[in-house]
N, C-alpha and C. Protein backbone atom coordinates (compact mmCIF):
# COMPACT_ATOMS: atom_id res chain seq x y z
N MET A 1 -29.71 -6.73 18.22
CA MET A 1 -29.59 -6.39 16.81
C MET A 1 -30.57 -7.25 16.03
N GLY A 2 -31.33 -6.62 15.16
CA GLY A 2 -32.32 -7.32 14.36
C GLY A 2 -31.69 -8.14 13.26
N SER A 3 -32.52 -8.94 12.62
CA SER A 3 -32.05 -9.83 11.56
C SER A 3 -31.50 -9.04 10.38
N LYS A 4 -32.18 -7.94 10.03
CA LYS A 4 -31.73 -7.12 8.91
C LYS A 4 -30.36 -6.49 9.20
N GLU A 5 -30.18 -5.94 10.42
CA GLU A 5 -28.90 -5.34 10.78
C GLU A 5 -27.80 -6.39 10.80
N SER A 6 -28.12 -7.57 11.32
CA SER A 6 -27.15 -8.66 11.38
C SER A 6 -26.74 -9.08 9.98
N SER A 7 -27.70 -9.21 9.08
CA SER A 7 -27.43 -9.59 7.71
C SER A 7 -26.56 -8.54 7.01
N THR A 8 -26.86 -7.28 7.23
CA THR A 8 -26.07 -6.20 6.64
C THR A 8 -24.64 -6.23 7.17
N ALA A 9 -24.48 -6.46 8.45
CA ALA A 9 -23.13 -6.52 9.04
C ALA A 9 -22.34 -7.68 8.45
N VAL A 10 -22.98 -8.81 8.24
CA VAL A 10 -22.30 -9.97 7.67
C VAL A 10 -21.89 -9.68 6.23
N ILE A 11 -22.79 -9.09 5.47
CA ILE A 11 -22.46 -8.76 4.08
C ILE A 11 -21.32 -7.75 4.02
N THR A 12 -21.38 -6.73 4.86
CA THR A 12 -20.30 -5.73 4.91
C THR A 12 -18.98 -6.40 5.25
N TYR A 13 -18.99 -7.28 6.23
CA TYR A 13 -17.79 -8.00 6.62
C TYR A 13 -17.27 -8.84 5.46
N GLY A 14 -18.16 -9.48 4.74
CA GLY A 14 -17.76 -10.27 3.58
C GLY A 14 -17.10 -9.44 2.49
N TRP A 15 -17.63 -8.26 2.24
CA TRP A 15 -17.05 -7.37 1.22
C TRP A 15 -15.65 -6.92 1.58
N LYS A 16 -15.34 -6.88 2.86
CA LYS A 16 -13.97 -6.52 3.28
C LYS A 16 -12.96 -7.52 2.73
N TYR A 17 -13.38 -8.77 2.57
CA TYR A 17 -12.49 -9.78 2.01
C TYR A 17 -12.38 -9.68 0.50
N VAL A 18 -13.42 -9.19 -0.13
CA VAL A 18 -13.38 -9.01 -1.58
C VAL A 18 -12.33 -7.94 -1.94
N PHE A 19 -12.31 -6.85 -1.18
CA PHE A 19 -11.41 -5.73 -1.49
C PHE A 19 -10.25 -5.60 -0.52
N GLY A 20 -10.03 -6.60 0.32
CA GLY A 20 -8.98 -6.53 1.33
C GLY A 20 -7.58 -6.32 0.77
N PHE A 21 -7.34 -6.79 -0.44
CA PHE A 21 -6.03 -6.64 -1.05
C PHE A 21 -5.70 -5.18 -1.36
N ALA A 22 -6.72 -4.35 -1.54
CA ALA A 22 -6.52 -2.97 -2.01
C ALA A 22 -5.69 -2.15 -1.03
N ASP A 23 -5.90 -2.31 0.26
CA ASP A 23 -5.14 -1.53 1.24
C ASP A 23 -3.64 -1.75 1.04
N ALA A 24 -3.23 -3.01 0.99
CA ALA A 24 -1.80 -3.31 0.84
C ALA A 24 -1.28 -2.83 -0.52
N ALA A 25 -2.09 -2.97 -1.56
CA ALA A 25 -1.65 -2.55 -2.90
C ALA A 25 -1.44 -1.04 -2.97
N ILE A 26 -2.30 -0.28 -2.31
CA ILE A 26 -2.17 1.18 -2.35
C ILE A 26 -1.01 1.63 -1.48
N VAL A 27 -0.77 0.98 -0.36
CA VAL A 27 0.40 1.32 0.45
C VAL A 27 1.67 1.01 -0.34
N LYS A 28 1.70 -0.12 -1.02
CA LYS A 28 2.85 -0.47 -1.87
C LYS A 28 3.05 0.60 -2.95
N CYS A 29 1.97 1.02 -3.56
CA CYS A 29 2.04 2.06 -4.60
C CYS A 29 2.65 3.34 -4.04
N ALA A 30 2.23 3.73 -2.85
CA ALA A 30 2.77 4.95 -2.22
C ALA A 30 4.27 4.84 -2.00
N ILE A 31 4.72 3.66 -1.57
CA ILE A 31 6.16 3.45 -1.35
C ILE A 31 6.89 3.50 -2.68
N GLU A 32 6.37 2.80 -3.69
CA GLU A 32 7.03 2.76 -5.00
C GLU A 32 7.09 4.13 -5.65
N LEU A 33 6.04 4.93 -5.49
CA LEU A 33 6.06 6.29 -6.03
C LEU A 33 7.00 7.19 -5.23
N GLY A 34 7.24 6.83 -3.98
CA GLY A 34 8.10 7.64 -3.11
C GLY A 34 7.35 8.76 -2.42
N ILE A 35 6.05 8.62 -2.25
CA ILE A 35 5.23 9.70 -1.68
C ILE A 35 5.74 10.12 -0.30
N PRO A 36 5.93 9.19 0.65
CA PRO A 36 6.40 9.64 1.97
C PRO A 36 7.78 10.28 1.92
N ASP A 37 8.68 9.73 1.10
CA ASP A 37 10.03 10.27 0.98
C ASP A 37 10.01 11.70 0.43
N VAL A 38 9.23 11.91 -0.62
CA VAL A 38 9.14 13.24 -1.23
C VAL A 38 8.50 14.22 -0.26
N MET A 39 7.45 13.80 0.44
CA MET A 39 6.82 14.71 1.40
C MET A 39 7.80 15.10 2.50
N MET A 40 8.61 14.13 2.96
CA MET A 40 9.61 14.44 3.99
C MET A 40 10.62 15.44 3.45
N SER A 41 11.03 15.25 2.19
CA SER A 41 12.01 16.18 1.60
C SER A 41 11.43 17.58 1.41
N LEU A 42 10.10 17.67 1.33
CA LEU A 42 9.44 18.97 1.19
C LEU A 42 9.04 19.56 2.54
N GLY A 43 9.43 18.92 3.62
CA GLY A 43 9.16 19.46 4.95
C GLY A 43 8.19 18.64 5.77
N GLY A 44 7.38 17.79 5.12
CA GLY A 44 6.48 16.89 5.84
C GLY A 44 5.15 17.47 6.27
N ASP A 45 5.01 18.79 6.24
CA ASP A 45 3.77 19.43 6.68
C ASP A 45 3.10 20.16 5.54
N SER A 46 1.81 19.98 5.43
CA SER A 46 0.97 20.70 4.47
C SER A 46 1.57 20.75 3.06
N THR A 47 1.82 19.58 2.50
CA THR A 47 2.29 19.51 1.12
C THR A 47 1.07 19.49 0.21
N LYS A 48 0.96 20.50 -0.64
CA LYS A 48 -0.17 20.57 -1.56
C LYS A 48 -0.06 19.44 -2.59
N LEU A 49 -1.20 18.94 -3.00
CA LEU A 49 -1.25 17.84 -3.96
C LEU A 49 -0.52 18.20 -5.25
N SER A 50 -0.69 19.41 -5.74
CA SER A 50 -0.02 19.83 -6.98
C SER A 50 1.50 19.84 -6.80
N GLN A 51 1.95 20.28 -5.64
CA GLN A 51 3.38 20.31 -5.34
C GLN A 51 3.93 18.87 -5.26
N LEU A 52 3.19 18.00 -4.61
CA LEU A 52 3.59 16.60 -4.49
C LEU A 52 3.63 15.94 -5.86
N SER A 53 2.61 16.18 -6.66
CA SER A 53 2.52 15.59 -7.99
C SER A 53 3.71 15.99 -8.86
N LEU A 54 4.05 17.26 -8.85
CA LEU A 54 5.21 17.73 -9.62
C LEU A 54 6.50 17.13 -9.10
N ALA A 55 6.66 17.08 -7.78
CA ALA A 55 7.88 16.52 -7.19
C ALA A 55 8.03 15.03 -7.50
N LEU A 56 6.92 14.34 -7.67
CA LEU A 56 6.95 12.92 -8.02
C LEU A 56 7.14 12.70 -9.52
N GLY A 57 7.08 13.79 -10.29
CA GLY A 57 7.23 13.69 -11.74
C GLY A 57 5.98 13.22 -12.44
N LEU A 58 4.82 13.41 -11.81
CA LEU A 58 3.56 12.94 -12.37
C LEU A 58 2.84 14.00 -13.18
N GLY A 59 3.25 15.25 -13.06
CA GLY A 59 2.56 16.34 -13.73
C GLY A 59 1.31 16.74 -12.97
N VAL A 60 0.65 17.76 -13.47
CA VAL A 60 -0.58 18.26 -12.83
C VAL A 60 -1.60 18.40 -13.94
N PRO A 61 -2.83 18.03 -13.78
CA PRO A 61 -3.38 17.38 -12.59
C PRO A 61 -3.05 15.90 -12.57
N ALA A 62 -3.18 15.30 -11.41
CA ALA A 62 -2.96 13.87 -11.24
C ALA A 62 -4.15 13.29 -10.48
N PRO A 63 -5.28 13.05 -11.18
CA PRO A 63 -6.49 12.60 -10.49
C PRO A 63 -6.30 11.29 -9.73
N SER A 64 -5.49 10.40 -10.23
CA SER A 64 -5.25 9.15 -9.51
C SER A 64 -4.52 9.40 -8.20
N LEU A 65 -3.60 10.35 -8.22
CA LEU A 65 -2.87 10.69 -6.99
C LEU A 65 -3.83 11.23 -5.94
N LEU A 66 -4.80 12.01 -6.35
CA LEU A 66 -5.80 12.52 -5.40
C LEU A 66 -6.55 11.36 -4.76
N ARG A 67 -6.94 10.38 -5.56
CA ARG A 67 -7.65 9.21 -5.00
C ARG A 67 -6.76 8.41 -4.06
N ILE A 68 -5.50 8.23 -4.44
CA ILE A 68 -4.55 7.50 -3.59
C ILE A 68 -4.38 8.22 -2.26
N MET A 69 -4.20 9.53 -2.30
CA MET A 69 -3.96 10.30 -1.07
C MET A 69 -5.21 10.32 -0.19
N ARG A 70 -6.38 10.45 -0.80
CA ARG A 70 -7.62 10.42 0.01
C ARG A 70 -7.79 9.08 0.70
N PHE A 71 -7.51 8.00 -0.03
CA PHE A 71 -7.62 6.67 0.54
C PHE A 71 -6.64 6.51 1.71
N LEU A 72 -5.38 6.89 1.48
CA LEU A 72 -4.37 6.74 2.53
C LEU A 72 -4.64 7.64 3.73
N ALA A 73 -5.18 8.82 3.48
CA ALA A 73 -5.55 9.71 4.59
C ALA A 73 -6.68 9.10 5.40
N SER A 74 -7.61 8.45 4.73
CA SER A 74 -8.73 7.82 5.45
C SER A 74 -8.27 6.66 6.31
N ARG A 75 -7.09 6.11 6.00
CA ARG A 75 -6.53 5.00 6.77
C ARG A 75 -5.49 5.47 7.79
N GLY A 76 -5.27 6.79 7.88
CA GLY A 76 -4.35 7.33 8.88
C GLY A 76 -2.91 7.46 8.43
N PHE A 77 -2.64 7.17 7.15
CA PHE A 77 -1.26 7.27 6.67
C PHE A 77 -0.83 8.72 6.46
N PHE A 78 -1.77 9.57 6.09
CA PHE A 78 -1.51 11.00 5.93
C PHE A 78 -2.64 11.76 6.58
N LYS A 79 -2.38 13.02 6.90
CA LYS A 79 -3.40 13.86 7.49
C LYS A 79 -3.77 14.93 6.47
N LEU A 80 -5.06 15.03 6.21
CA LEU A 80 -5.54 16.07 5.32
C LEU A 80 -5.49 17.38 6.08
N SER A 81 -4.72 18.33 5.58
CA SER A 81 -4.58 19.62 6.24
C SER A 81 -5.77 20.50 5.90
N VAL A 82 -6.09 21.39 6.79
CA VAL A 82 -7.19 22.34 6.55
C VAL A 82 -6.77 23.23 5.39
N SER A 83 -7.64 23.27 4.39
CA SER A 83 -7.33 24.06 3.20
C SER A 83 -8.63 24.61 2.64
N HIS A 84 -8.56 25.81 2.12
CA HIS A 84 -9.73 26.42 1.50
C HIS A 84 -9.81 26.07 0.02
N ASP A 85 -8.74 25.47 -0.49
CA ASP A 85 -8.69 25.12 -1.90
C ASP A 85 -8.97 23.63 -2.04
N ARG A 86 -10.23 23.26 -2.28
CA ARG A 86 -10.61 21.85 -2.36
C ARG A 86 -10.03 21.18 -3.60
N SER A 87 -9.67 21.96 -4.62
CA SER A 87 -9.13 21.38 -5.83
C SER A 87 -7.64 21.03 -5.67
N ASP A 88 -7.00 21.57 -4.64
CA ASP A 88 -5.59 21.31 -4.40
C ASP A 88 -5.36 21.10 -2.90
N PRO A 89 -5.85 19.97 -2.36
CA PRO A 89 -5.72 19.73 -0.92
C PRO A 89 -4.26 19.55 -0.52
N ALA A 90 -4.01 19.74 0.75
CA ALA A 90 -2.66 19.58 1.31
C ALA A 90 -2.68 18.44 2.32
N TYR A 91 -1.58 17.72 2.38
CA TYR A 91 -1.45 16.58 3.27
C TYR A 91 -0.18 16.70 4.09
N SER A 92 -0.21 16.10 5.27
CA SER A 92 0.95 16.07 6.16
C SER A 92 1.28 14.62 6.48
N LEU A 93 2.55 14.39 6.80
CA LEU A 93 2.97 13.07 7.25
C LEU A 93 2.38 12.80 8.63
N THR A 94 2.18 11.53 8.92
CA THR A 94 1.74 11.08 10.25
C THR A 94 2.80 10.09 10.75
N PRO A 95 2.74 9.71 12.01
CA PRO A 95 3.69 8.69 12.49
C PRO A 95 3.63 7.41 11.64
N LEU A 96 2.44 7.05 11.16
CA LEU A 96 2.29 5.86 10.33
C LEU A 96 2.99 6.02 8.98
N SER A 97 2.80 7.16 8.32
CA SER A 97 3.44 7.36 7.01
C SER A 97 4.96 7.48 7.14
N LYS A 98 5.44 7.93 8.28
CA LYS A 98 6.90 8.00 8.48
C LYS A 98 7.54 6.62 8.48
N LEU A 99 6.75 5.59 8.79
CA LEU A 99 7.26 4.22 8.73
C LEU A 99 7.42 3.74 7.29
N LEU A 100 6.90 4.50 6.33
CA LEU A 100 7.00 4.13 4.92
C LEU A 100 8.14 4.85 4.21
N ILE A 101 8.86 5.71 4.92
CA ILE A 101 10.02 6.39 4.34
C ILE A 101 11.12 5.34 4.18
N LYS A 102 11.63 5.19 2.98
CA LYS A 102 12.52 4.07 2.66
C LYS A 102 13.72 3.95 3.59
N ASP A 103 14.37 5.05 3.90
CA ASP A 103 15.55 4.99 4.76
C ASP A 103 15.28 5.55 6.15
N GLY A 104 14.01 5.67 6.51
CA GLY A 104 13.65 6.22 7.80
C GLY A 104 13.90 5.23 8.93
N PRO A 105 14.00 5.73 10.14
CA PRO A 105 14.21 4.83 11.28
C PRO A 105 13.00 3.91 11.47
N GLY A 106 13.28 2.62 11.61
CA GLY A 106 12.20 1.65 11.78
C GLY A 106 11.34 1.46 10.54
N SER A 107 11.86 1.80 9.37
CA SER A 107 11.08 1.75 8.14
C SER A 107 10.52 0.34 7.88
N LEU A 108 9.24 0.32 7.52
CA LEU A 108 8.60 -0.92 7.10
C LEU A 108 8.61 -1.07 5.58
N ALA A 109 9.08 -0.04 4.87
CA ALA A 109 9.02 -0.03 3.40
C ALA A 109 9.69 -1.25 2.78
N PRO A 110 10.93 -1.60 3.15
CA PRO A 110 11.55 -2.77 2.50
C PRO A 110 10.77 -4.05 2.75
N PHE A 111 10.25 -4.22 3.95
CA PHE A 111 9.51 -5.43 4.27
C PHE A 111 8.19 -5.48 3.50
N ILE A 112 7.50 -4.34 3.39
CA ILE A 112 6.24 -4.29 2.64
C ILE A 112 6.49 -4.61 1.17
N LEU A 113 7.55 -4.03 0.60
CA LEU A 113 7.86 -4.31 -0.80
C LEU A 113 8.23 -5.78 -1.00
N PHE A 114 8.97 -6.34 -0.07
CA PHE A 114 9.36 -7.75 -0.15
C PHE A 114 8.13 -8.65 -0.06
N LYS A 115 7.27 -8.41 0.92
CA LYS A 115 6.11 -9.27 1.13
C LYS A 115 5.04 -9.09 0.05
N SER A 116 5.09 -7.98 -0.68
CA SER A 116 4.10 -7.77 -1.74
C SER A 116 4.67 -8.08 -3.13
N HIS A 117 5.88 -8.61 -3.18
CA HIS A 117 6.50 -9.00 -4.44
C HIS A 117 5.70 -10.18 -5.02
N PRO A 118 5.51 -10.23 -6.33
CA PRO A 118 4.72 -11.32 -6.92
C PRO A 118 5.20 -12.72 -6.51
N ALA A 119 6.50 -12.91 -6.37
CA ALA A 119 7.00 -14.22 -5.97
C ALA A 119 6.54 -14.58 -4.56
N MET A 120 6.45 -13.60 -3.68
CA MET A 120 5.99 -13.87 -2.32
C MET A 120 4.48 -14.04 -2.27
N LEU A 121 3.76 -13.27 -3.07
CA LEU A 121 2.30 -13.41 -3.12
C LEU A 121 1.88 -14.75 -3.70
N ALA A 122 2.73 -15.31 -4.55
CA ALA A 122 2.42 -16.61 -5.15
C ALA A 122 2.23 -17.69 -4.07
N LEU A 123 2.94 -17.53 -2.96
CA LEU A 123 2.76 -18.48 -1.85
C LEU A 123 1.30 -18.52 -1.41
N TRP A 124 0.74 -17.35 -1.24
CA TRP A 124 -0.64 -17.25 -0.76
C TRP A 124 -1.63 -17.73 -1.80
N HIS A 125 -1.31 -17.47 -3.06
CA HIS A 125 -2.23 -17.85 -4.13
C HIS A 125 -2.21 -19.35 -4.40
N ASN A 126 -1.25 -20.05 -3.82
CA ASN A 126 -1.13 -21.49 -4.08
C ASN A 126 -1.30 -22.34 -2.82
N MET A 127 -1.90 -21.78 -1.80
CA MET A 127 -2.07 -22.52 -0.55
C MET A 127 -2.93 -23.78 -0.74
N ALA A 128 -4.00 -23.67 -1.48
CA ALA A 128 -4.88 -24.83 -1.67
C ALA A 128 -4.14 -25.94 -2.41
N ALA A 129 -3.36 -25.58 -3.43
CA ALA A 129 -2.58 -26.58 -4.17
C ALA A 129 -1.58 -27.26 -3.25
N HIS A 130 -1.00 -26.51 -2.36
CA HIS A 130 -0.05 -27.08 -1.40
C HIS A 130 -0.74 -28.07 -0.48
N GLU A 131 -1.93 -27.75 -0.05
CA GLU A 131 -2.66 -28.66 0.84
C GLU A 131 -3.02 -29.96 0.14
N ARG A 132 -3.17 -29.91 -1.17
CA ARG A 132 -3.54 -31.11 -1.93
C ARG A 132 -2.33 -31.95 -2.33
N ALA A 133 -1.14 -31.38 -2.23
CA ALA A 133 0.07 -32.07 -2.68
C ALA A 133 1.14 -32.01 -1.59
N GLU A 134 2.27 -32.60 -1.89
CA GLU A 134 3.38 -32.60 -0.93
C GLU A 134 4.40 -31.51 -1.26
N ASP A 135 4.16 -30.75 -2.31
CA ASP A 135 5.11 -29.71 -2.70
C ASP A 135 5.11 -28.56 -1.70
N MET A 136 6.23 -27.90 -1.60
CA MET A 136 6.30 -26.69 -0.81
C MET A 136 5.61 -25.58 -1.61
N PRO A 137 4.83 -24.72 -0.98
CA PRO A 137 4.06 -23.73 -1.73
C PRO A 137 4.92 -22.79 -2.57
N TYR A 138 6.07 -22.38 -2.06
CA TYR A 138 6.90 -21.46 -2.84
C TYR A 138 7.44 -22.17 -4.08
N GLU A 139 7.92 -23.39 -3.90
CA GLU A 139 8.47 -24.14 -5.04
C GLU A 139 7.38 -24.42 -6.08
N LYS A 140 6.20 -24.75 -5.61
CA LYS A 140 5.08 -25.03 -6.52
C LYS A 140 4.74 -23.77 -7.33
N ALA A 141 4.74 -22.64 -6.68
CA ALA A 141 4.34 -21.40 -7.34
C ALA A 141 5.41 -20.84 -8.26
N ASN A 142 6.67 -21.02 -7.89
CA ASN A 142 7.74 -20.32 -8.60
C ASN A 142 8.73 -21.23 -9.32
N GLY A 143 8.67 -22.54 -9.09
CA GLY A 143 9.55 -23.46 -9.81
C GLY A 143 10.93 -23.62 -9.20
N ASP A 144 11.26 -22.88 -8.18
CA ASP A 144 12.52 -23.03 -7.47
C ASP A 144 12.27 -22.71 -6.00
N ASP A 145 13.29 -22.92 -5.18
CA ASP A 145 13.04 -22.59 -3.78
C ASP A 145 13.30 -21.09 -3.54
N LEU A 146 12.84 -20.61 -2.42
CA LEU A 146 12.92 -19.18 -2.10
C LEU A 146 14.35 -18.67 -2.19
N TRP A 147 15.29 -19.40 -1.65
CA TRP A 147 16.67 -18.93 -1.59
C TRP A 147 17.30 -18.88 -2.98
N GLU A 148 17.00 -19.86 -3.84
CA GLU A 148 17.48 -19.82 -5.22
C GLU A 148 16.89 -18.62 -5.95
N HIS A 149 15.61 -18.38 -5.73
CA HIS A 149 14.95 -17.26 -6.38
C HIS A 149 15.58 -15.93 -5.95
N LEU A 150 15.80 -15.76 -4.67
CA LEU A 150 16.39 -14.52 -4.16
C LEU A 150 17.80 -14.32 -4.71
N GLU A 151 18.54 -15.39 -4.83
CA GLU A 151 19.91 -15.32 -5.35
C GLU A 151 19.92 -14.85 -6.80
N SER A 152 18.98 -15.35 -7.60
CA SER A 152 18.97 -15.00 -9.03
C SER A 152 18.13 -13.77 -9.36
N ASN A 153 17.36 -13.26 -8.40
CA ASN A 153 16.51 -12.09 -8.61
C ASN A 153 16.75 -11.09 -7.50
N ARG A 154 17.80 -10.36 -7.58
CA ARG A 154 18.22 -9.47 -6.49
C ARG A 154 17.49 -8.13 -6.43
N GLU A 155 16.47 -7.93 -7.27
CA GLU A 155 15.73 -6.67 -7.20
C GLU A 155 14.98 -6.65 -5.96
């Protein structure tokens, strides 16, 4: 591999860290909107975007929903169904998206929502401060310990 290709690969790899948070944020968004749950309730196969948007209460058109679904399909969470109507694509559940159904068997949804909660993310955002001090990272970030926080914030 030449120097130019190597440099491009390094830069590309670096950019993955700049936008690395987006994957988890969009998966969280899909769970919060209930996309996998609604698709399952509609049969799970070839759900048109307009049908999904209405079922989610978002109205039509929902350009942001199209971007969310395209992103998640590119990551294997949904399968873009063959459709002749490019303005209203259809998506199907995949084994990966079935793990995001809130009450589904082996669901990862509660764990993803828990780990992406601002109080839990604060741990990661305060790692450097923890290394510089003797405080526990959760306590430093949130002002109380994890168990006290969970007791008083049951959402």
